[in-house]
Amino acid sequence: MRIMGLDVGDKRIGVALSDPLGWTAQPHSVLLRNDPARDFAHLARLCAENQIEKIVVGLPLNMNGTIGPRAELVQGFAAQLSSFTGIEVEFWDERLSTKSAERTLLAADVSRRKRRQVIDKLAAVHILQGYLDRHSR
């Protein structure tokens, strides 16, 4: 089963895809957001091209585990995406996923300019890999 992982932001959406067996997450792309209808159509096209059966969306919970305004926006986005694609959407706690991705890029000595280009898809990888690891047990 192939699964898509998303790190949803205001300006960009990081995309990661699992391997066909659902064991590992690989970075795919970064979608620059501009129009919700086009964004959903682009994601639906990616789902069809890659035979995606489930979408995992990072949920930005507050540090105390509560749902804040940002998480509510992401939940609304996910509901619309599921309705648009007809694919089940699950949430994964994404607290600190972007920080973890940034630490990985810093350790690899990636320049600030290049970090900005890949951090969203690397955050999506962290989200999806966490989900895959939990569900493989």
N, C-alpha and C. Protein backbone atom coordinates (compact mmCIF):
# COMPACT_ATOMS: atom_id res chain seq x y z
N MET A 1 0.84 -1.17 0.00
CA MET A 1 0.00 0.00 0.00
C MET A 1 0.88 1.24 0.00
N ARG A 2 0.71 2.10 -0.97
CA ARG A 2 1.48 3.36 -1.02
C ARG A 2 0.73 4.44 -0.26
N ILE A 3 1.49 5.19 0.52
CA ILE A 3 0.94 6.24 1.36
C ILE A 3 1.66 7.54 1.04
N MET A 4 0.91 8.63 1.04
CA MET A 4 1.48 9.96 0.83
C MET A 4 1.51 10.68 2.17
N GLY A 5 2.62 11.35 2.46
CA GLY A 5 2.73 12.17 3.66
C GLY A 5 2.80 13.63 3.28
N LEU A 6 2.09 14.48 4.03
CA LEU A 6 2.07 15.91 3.72
C LEU A 6 2.43 16.74 4.94
N ASP A 7 3.27 17.74 4.72
CA ASP A 7 3.55 18.77 5.70
C ASP A 7 2.90 20.04 5.14
N VAL A 8 1.74 20.40 5.69
CA VAL A 8 0.94 21.49 5.14
C VAL A 8 1.30 22.80 5.82
N GLY A 9 1.73 23.75 5.02
CA GLY A 9 2.03 25.09 5.51
C GLY A 9 1.19 26.11 4.78
N ASP A 10 1.32 27.37 5.18
CA ASP A 10 0.56 28.43 4.53
C ASP A 10 1.01 28.68 3.10
N LYS A 11 2.32 28.57 2.85
CA LYS A 11 2.87 28.89 1.54
C LYS A 11 3.28 27.66 0.73
N ARG A 12 3.63 26.59 1.43
CA ARG A 12 4.14 25.39 0.76
C ARG A 12 3.56 24.14 1.41
N ILE A 13 3.52 23.07 0.61
CA ILE A 13 3.14 21.75 1.11
C ILE A 13 4.26 20.80 0.75
N GLY A 14 4.89 20.21 1.76
CA GLY A 14 5.92 19.21 1.52
C GLY A 14 5.25 17.86 1.27
N VAL A 15 5.75 17.13 0.28
CA VAL A 15 5.16 15.86 -0.11
C VAL A 15 6.21 14.76 0.00
N ALA A 16 5.82 13.65 0.63
CA ALA A 16 6.66 12.46 0.70
C ALA A 16 5.79 11.27 0.30
N LEU A 17 6.43 10.25 -0.24
CA LEU A 17 5.72 9.04 -0.64
C LEU A 17 6.39 7.83 -0.02
N SER A 18 5.58 6.84 0.31
CA SER A 18 6.16 5.59 0.81
C SER A 18 6.55 4.72 -0.38
N ASP A 19 7.38 3.73 -0.10
CA ASP A 19 7.66 2.71 -1.11
C ASP A 19 6.39 1.86 -1.27
N PRO A 20 6.30 1.03 -2.30
CA PRO A 20 5.07 0.25 -2.51
C PRO A 20 4.70 -0.68 -1.35
N LEU A 21 5.68 -1.10 -0.55
CA LEU A 21 5.38 -1.97 0.58
C LEU A 21 5.00 -1.19 1.84
N GLY A 22 5.18 0.11 1.80
CA GLY A 22 4.82 0.93 2.96
C GLY A 22 5.82 0.86 4.10
N TRP A 23 7.10 0.66 3.78
CA TRP A 23 8.13 0.56 4.81
C TRP A 23 8.93 1.84 4.98
N THR A 24 9.24 2.51 3.87
CA THR A 24 10.10 3.69 3.96
C THR A 24 9.45 4.89 3.28
N ALA A 25 9.80 6.06 3.77
CA ALA A 25 9.31 7.31 3.20
C ALA A 25 10.44 7.98 2.44
N GLN A 26 10.11 8.49 1.25
CA GLN A 26 11.09 9.21 0.45
C GLN A 26 10.54 10.60 0.12
N PRO A 27 11.41 11.60 0.08
CA PRO A 27 10.95 12.94 -0.30
C PRO A 27 10.48 12.93 -1.75
N HIS A 28 9.44 13.68 -2.04
CA HIS A 28 8.94 13.75 -3.40
C HIS A 28 9.04 15.16 -3.98
N SER A 29 8.33 16.11 -3.37
CA SER A 29 8.29 17.45 -3.95
C SER A 29 7.78 18.46 -2.94
N VAL A 30 7.83 19.72 -3.35
CA VAL A 30 7.25 20.81 -2.58
C VAL A 30 6.27 21.53 -3.49
N LEU A 31 5.04 21.63 -3.05
CA LEU A 31 4.00 22.32 -3.80
C LEU A 31 3.88 23.74 -3.27
N LEU A 32 4.10 24.71 -4.14
CA LEU A 32 3.91 26.11 -3.77
C LEU A 32 2.42 26.40 -3.86
N ARG A 33 1.83 26.78 -2.75
CA ARG A 33 0.38 27.00 -2.70
C ARG A 33 0.02 28.33 -3.35
N ASN A 34 -1.06 28.31 -4.14
CA ASN A 34 -1.55 29.57 -4.67
C ASN A 34 -3.07 29.59 -4.75
N ASP A 35 -3.68 28.54 -5.24
CA ASP A 35 -5.13 28.46 -5.37
C ASP A 35 -5.59 27.11 -4.83
N PRO A 36 -6.49 27.08 -3.84
CA PRO A 36 -6.90 25.80 -3.26
C PRO A 36 -7.37 24.77 -4.29
N ALA A 37 -8.14 25.18 -5.27
CA ALA A 37 -8.63 24.23 -6.27
C ALA A 37 -7.47 23.60 -7.04
N ARG A 38 -6.49 24.43 -7.42
CA ARG A 38 -5.32 23.91 -8.13
C ARG A 38 -4.47 23.03 -7.23
N ASP A 39 -4.35 23.42 -5.96
CA ASP A 39 -3.57 22.62 -5.01
C ASP A 39 -4.19 21.22 -4.86
N PHE A 40 -5.52 21.17 -4.68
CA PHE A 40 -6.19 19.87 -4.53
C PHE A 40 -6.08 19.05 -5.81
N ALA A 41 -6.22 19.70 -6.97
CA ALA A 41 -6.10 18.99 -8.25
C ALA A 41 -4.69 18.42 -8.42
N HIS A 42 -3.67 19.21 -8.05
CA HIS A 42 -2.29 18.73 -8.15
C HIS A 42 -2.07 17.52 -7.25
N LEU A 43 -2.53 17.60 -6.01
CA LEU A 43 -2.36 16.48 -5.07
C LEU A 43 -3.15 15.26 -5.53
N ALA A 44 -4.34 15.48 -6.07
CA ALA A 44 -5.14 14.35 -6.58
C ALA A 44 -4.42 13.67 -7.74
N ARG A 45 -3.80 14.47 -8.61
CA ARG A 45 -3.04 13.92 -9.73
C ARG A 45 -1.85 13.09 -9.23
N LEU A 46 -1.14 13.60 -8.21
CA LEU A 46 -0.04 12.84 -7.63
C LEU A 46 -0.54 11.52 -7.04
N CYS A 47 -1.69 11.56 -6.38
CA CYS A 47 -2.26 10.34 -5.80
C CYS A 47 -2.57 9.32 -6.88
N ALA A 48 -3.17 9.77 -7.97
CA ALA A 48 -3.52 8.86 -9.07
C ALA A 48 -2.27 8.29 -9.73
N GLU A 49 -1.29 9.15 -10.00
CA GLU A 49 -0.06 8.70 -10.67
C GLU A 49 0.72 7.69 -9.84
N ASN A 50 0.63 7.82 -8.51
CA ASN A 50 1.43 6.97 -7.62
C ASN A 50 0.61 5.91 -6.90
N GLN A 51 -0.65 5.75 -7.30
CA GLN A 51 -1.54 4.74 -6.72
C GLN A 51 -1.59 4.83 -5.19
N ILE A 52 -1.82 6.05 -4.70
CA ILE A 52 -1.87 6.31 -3.26
C ILE A 52 -3.19 5.80 -2.69
N GLU A 53 -3.10 5.07 -1.59
CA GLU A 53 -4.29 4.52 -0.96
C GLU A 53 -4.63 5.21 0.36
N LYS A 54 -3.69 6.00 0.89
CA LYS A 54 -3.92 6.71 2.14
C LYS A 54 -3.03 7.94 2.16
N ILE A 55 -3.52 9.00 2.81
CA ILE A 55 -2.75 10.22 2.96
C ILE A 55 -2.58 10.49 4.45
N VAL A 56 -1.35 10.75 4.86
CA VAL A 56 -1.05 11.10 6.24
C VAL A 56 -0.66 12.57 6.27
N VAL A 57 -1.39 13.34 7.05
CA VAL A 57 -1.16 14.78 7.13
C VAL A 57 -0.61 15.10 8.53
N GLY A 58 0.47 15.84 8.56
CA GLY A 58 1.04 16.26 9.84
C GLY A 58 0.10 17.24 10.54
N LEU A 59 -0.21 16.95 11.80
CA LEU A 59 -1.10 17.81 12.58
C LEU A 59 -0.26 18.61 13.57
N PRO A 60 -0.20 19.93 13.40
CA PRO A 60 0.64 20.77 14.26
C PRO A 60 -0.01 21.07 15.60
N LEU A 61 0.03 20.10 16.49
CA LEU A 61 -0.54 20.28 17.82
C LEU A 61 0.31 21.26 18.63
N ASN A 62 -0.32 21.88 19.62
CA ASN A 62 0.44 22.71 20.56
C ASN A 62 1.36 21.80 21.36
N MET A 63 2.38 22.36 21.97
CA MET A 63 3.33 21.54 22.73
C MET A 63 2.67 20.77 23.87
N ASN A 64 1.53 21.26 24.38
CA ASN A 64 0.83 20.53 25.44
C ASN A 64 -0.16 19.51 24.88
N GLY A 65 -0.16 19.33 23.56
CA GLY A 65 -1.00 18.31 22.94
C GLY A 65 -2.39 18.78 22.53
N THR A 66 -2.71 20.03 22.77
CA THR A 66 -4.04 20.54 22.41
C THR A 66 -4.07 21.00 20.95
N ILE A 67 -5.27 21.12 20.45
CA ILE A 67 -5.46 21.58 19.08
C ILE A 67 -5.66 23.09 19.09
N GLY A 68 -4.79 23.78 18.38
CA GLY A 68 -4.86 25.24 18.29
C GLY A 68 -5.37 25.67 16.92
N PRO A 69 -5.33 26.97 16.66
CA PRO A 69 -5.84 27.49 15.39
C PRO A 69 -5.14 26.90 14.16
N ARG A 70 -3.84 26.71 14.22
CA ARG A 70 -3.11 26.16 13.08
C ARG A 70 -3.55 24.72 12.79
N ALA A 71 -3.72 23.93 13.85
CA ALA A 71 -4.17 22.54 13.68
C ALA A 71 -5.59 22.50 13.11
N GLU A 72 -6.43 23.43 13.52
CA GLU A 72 -7.79 23.49 12.98
C GLU A 72 -7.77 23.77 11.48
N LEU A 73 -6.88 24.68 11.05
CA LEU A 73 -6.75 24.95 9.61
C LEU A 73 -6.32 23.70 8.85
N VAL A 74 -5.37 22.97 9.41
CA VAL A 74 -4.87 21.76 8.76
C VAL A 74 -5.97 20.70 8.72
N GLN A 75 -6.77 20.59 9.77
CA GLN A 75 -7.87 19.63 9.77
C GLN A 75 -8.88 19.97 8.67
N GLY A 76 -9.16 21.25 8.49
CA GLY A 76 -10.07 21.67 7.44
C GLY A 76 -9.51 21.35 6.05
N PHE A 77 -8.23 21.62 5.87
CA PHE A 77 -7.56 21.30 4.61
C PHE A 77 -7.66 19.79 4.34
N ALA A 78 -7.38 18.99 5.35
CA ALA A 78 -7.40 17.53 5.19
C ALA A 78 -8.80 17.02 4.84
N ALA A 79 -9.82 17.60 5.47
CA ALA A 79 -11.20 17.19 5.17
C ALA A 79 -11.54 17.50 3.71
N GLN A 80 -11.13 18.67 3.25
CA GLN A 80 -11.38 19.04 1.86
C GLN A 80 -10.60 18.14 0.90
N LEU A 81 -9.36 17.84 1.25
CA LEU A 81 -8.53 16.97 0.41
C LEU A 81 -9.14 15.58 0.31
N SER A 82 -9.59 15.03 1.42
CA SER A 82 -10.20 13.71 1.42
C SER A 82 -11.47 13.70 0.56
N SER A 83 -12.26 14.74 0.69
CA SER A 83 -13.48 14.86 -0.11
C SER A 83 -13.15 14.97 -1.59
N PHE A 84 -12.13 15.73 -1.93
CA PHE A 84 -11.73 15.96 -3.32
C PHE A 84 -11.16 14.69 -3.95
N THR A 85 -10.33 13.95 -3.20
CA THR A 85 -9.64 12.78 -3.76
C THR A 85 -10.39 11.47 -3.52
N GLY A 86 -11.24 11.43 -2.51
CA GLY A 86 -11.89 10.18 -2.14
C GLY A 86 -10.95 9.23 -1.41
N ILE A 87 -9.83 9.74 -0.92
CA ILE A 87 -8.82 8.92 -0.23
C ILE A 87 -8.86 9.24 1.26
N GLU A 88 -8.76 8.18 2.07
CA GLU A 88 -8.75 8.34 3.52
C GLU A 88 -7.55 9.18 3.96
N VAL A 89 -7.80 10.10 4.88
CA VAL A 89 -6.74 10.93 5.44
C VAL A 89 -6.62 10.62 6.93
N GLU A 90 -5.39 10.41 7.37
CA GLU A 90 -5.11 10.25 8.79
C GLU A 90 -4.15 11.35 9.21
N PHE A 91 -4.16 11.63 10.51
CA PHE A 91 -3.28 12.66 11.04
C PHE A 91 -2.13 12.03 11.81
N TRP A 92 -1.00 12.73 11.79
CA TRP A 92 0.16 12.31 12.57
C TRP A 92 0.70 13.54 13.28
N ASP A 93 0.97 13.40 14.56
CA ASP A 93 1.50 14.51 15.37
C ASP A 93 2.82 14.97 14.77
N GLU A 94 2.85 16.20 14.31
CA GLU A 94 4.06 16.69 13.64
C GLU A 94 4.88 17.62 14.51
N ARG A 95 4.58 17.68 15.80
CA ARG A 95 5.36 18.59 16.65
C ARG A 95 6.85 18.33 16.45
N LEU A 96 7.55 19.38 16.16
CA LEU A 96 9.01 19.38 16.01
C LEU A 96 9.52 18.68 14.75
N SER A 97 8.64 18.29 13.81
CA SER A 97 9.12 17.64 12.60
C SER A 97 9.97 18.58 11.75
N THR A 98 9.57 19.85 11.67
CA THR A 98 10.36 20.81 10.89
C THR A 98 11.70 21.07 11.58
N LYS A 99 11.70 21.14 12.91
CA LYS A 99 12.96 21.33 13.64
C LYS A 99 13.88 20.13 13.43
N SER A 100 13.32 18.93 13.44
CA SER A 100 14.11 17.73 13.22
C SER A 100 14.69 17.73 11.80
N ALA A 101 13.88 18.13 10.83
CA ALA A 101 14.36 18.21 9.45
C ALA A 101 15.47 19.24 9.33
N GLU A 102 15.31 20.37 10.01
CA GLU A 102 16.32 21.42 9.97
C GLU A 102 17.64 20.94 10.58
N ARG A 103 17.55 20.21 11.69
CA ARG A 103 18.77 19.66 12.32
C ARG A 103 19.48 18.70 11.37
N THR A 104 18.70 17.88 10.66
CA THR A 104 19.29 16.95 9.70
C THR A 104 20.04 17.69 8.60
N LEU A 105 19.42 18.75 8.09
CA LEU A 105 20.05 19.53 7.02
C LEU A 105 21.28 20.30 7.52
N LEU A 106 21.21 20.81 8.74
CA LEU A 106 22.37 21.49 9.32
C LEU A 106 23.53 20.52 9.50
N ALA A 107 23.22 19.31 9.97
CA ALA A 107 24.26 18.30 10.16
C ALA A 107 24.91 17.93 8.83
N ALA A 108 24.14 18.01 7.75
CA ALA A 108 24.67 17.69 6.43
C ALA A 108 25.34 18.91 5.79
N ASP A 109 25.39 20.01 6.52
CA ASP A 109 26.04 21.24 6.06
C ASP A 109 25.41 21.79 4.78
N VAL A 110 24.08 21.74 4.73
CA VAL A 110 23.34 22.27 3.58
C VAL A 110 23.18 23.77 3.78
N SER A 111 23.41 24.54 2.72
CA SER A 111 23.32 26.00 2.82
C SER A 111 21.90 26.45 3.17
N ARG A 112 21.80 27.64 3.74
CA ARG A 112 20.50 28.18 4.15
C ARG A 112 19.54 28.24 2.95
N ARG A 113 20.04 28.67 1.81
CA ARG A 113 19.21 28.79 0.61
C ARG A 113 18.65 27.44 0.17
N LYS A 114 19.49 26.42 0.18
CA LYS A 114 19.04 25.08 -0.22
C LYS A 114 18.13 24.46 0.84
N ARG A 115 18.39 24.78 2.12
CA ARG A 115 17.53 24.27 3.20
C ARG A 115 16.09 24.72 2.97
N ARG A 116 15.93 26.00 2.61
CA ARG A 116 14.59 26.54 2.39
C ARG A 116 13.87 25.78 1.28
N GLN A 117 14.60 25.30 0.30
CA GLN A 117 14.00 24.60 -0.84
C GLN A 117 13.56 23.18 -0.50
N VAL A 118 14.20 22.55 0.48
CA VAL A 118 13.91 21.13 0.74
C VAL A 118 13.33 20.83 2.11
N ILE A 119 13.29 21.81 2.99
CA ILE A 119 12.89 21.52 4.37
C ILE A 119 11.46 20.99 4.47
N ASP A 120 10.56 21.49 3.63
CA ASP A 120 9.17 21.05 3.71
C ASP A 120 9.00 19.59 3.30
N LYS A 121 9.70 19.17 2.25
CA LYS A 121 9.56 17.77 1.87
C LYS A 121 10.29 16.86 2.85
N LEU A 122 11.36 17.34 3.47
CA LEU A 122 12.04 16.54 4.48
C LEU A 122 11.16 16.42 5.74
N ALA A 123 10.45 17.49 6.08
CA ALA A 123 9.50 17.43 7.20
C ALA A 123 8.39 16.41 6.88
N ALA A 124 7.94 16.38 5.62
CA ALA A 124 6.93 15.40 5.21
C ALA A 124 7.46 13.97 5.35
N VAL A 125 8.75 13.79 5.05
CA VAL A 125 9.38 12.47 5.23
C VAL A 125 9.35 12.08 6.71
N HIS A 126 9.70 13.00 7.60
CA HIS A 126 9.69 12.71 9.04
C HIS A 126 8.28 12.32 9.50
N ILE A 127 7.28 13.04 9.03
CA ILE A 127 5.89 12.75 9.38
C ILE A 127 5.51 11.35 8.90
N LEU A 128 5.75 11.09 7.62
CA LEU A 128 5.35 9.80 7.05
C LEU A 128 6.14 8.65 7.65
N GLN A 129 7.46 8.83 7.86
CA GLN A 129 8.25 7.73 8.41
C GLN A 129 7.82 7.41 9.84
N GLY A 130 7.49 8.44 10.63
CA GLY A 130 6.97 8.20 11.97
C GLY A 130 5.70 7.38 11.93
N TYR A 131 4.81 7.72 11.02
CA TYR A 131 3.55 6.98 10.85
C TYR A 131 3.83 5.54 10.44
N LEU A 132 4.70 5.35 9.44
CA LEU A 132 5.01 4.00 8.96
C LEU A 132 5.65 3.16 10.06
N ASP A 133 6.57 3.74 10.80
CA ASP A 133 7.25 3.01 11.88
C ASP A 133 6.24 2.55 12.93
N ARG A 134 5.34 3.42 13.31
CA ARG A 134 4.33 3.07 14.33
C ARG A 134 3.41 1.97 13.85
N HIS A 135 3.03 2.01 12.59
CA HIS A 135 2.05 1.05 12.08
C HIS A 135 2.68 -0.24 11.56
N SER A 136 4.01 -0.33 11.54
CA SER A 136 4.64 -1.57 11.10
C SER A 136 4.85 -2.53 12.26
N ARG A 137 4.65 -2.05 13.47
CA ARG A 137 4.86 -2.92 14.63
C ARG A 137 3.73 -3.88 14.84
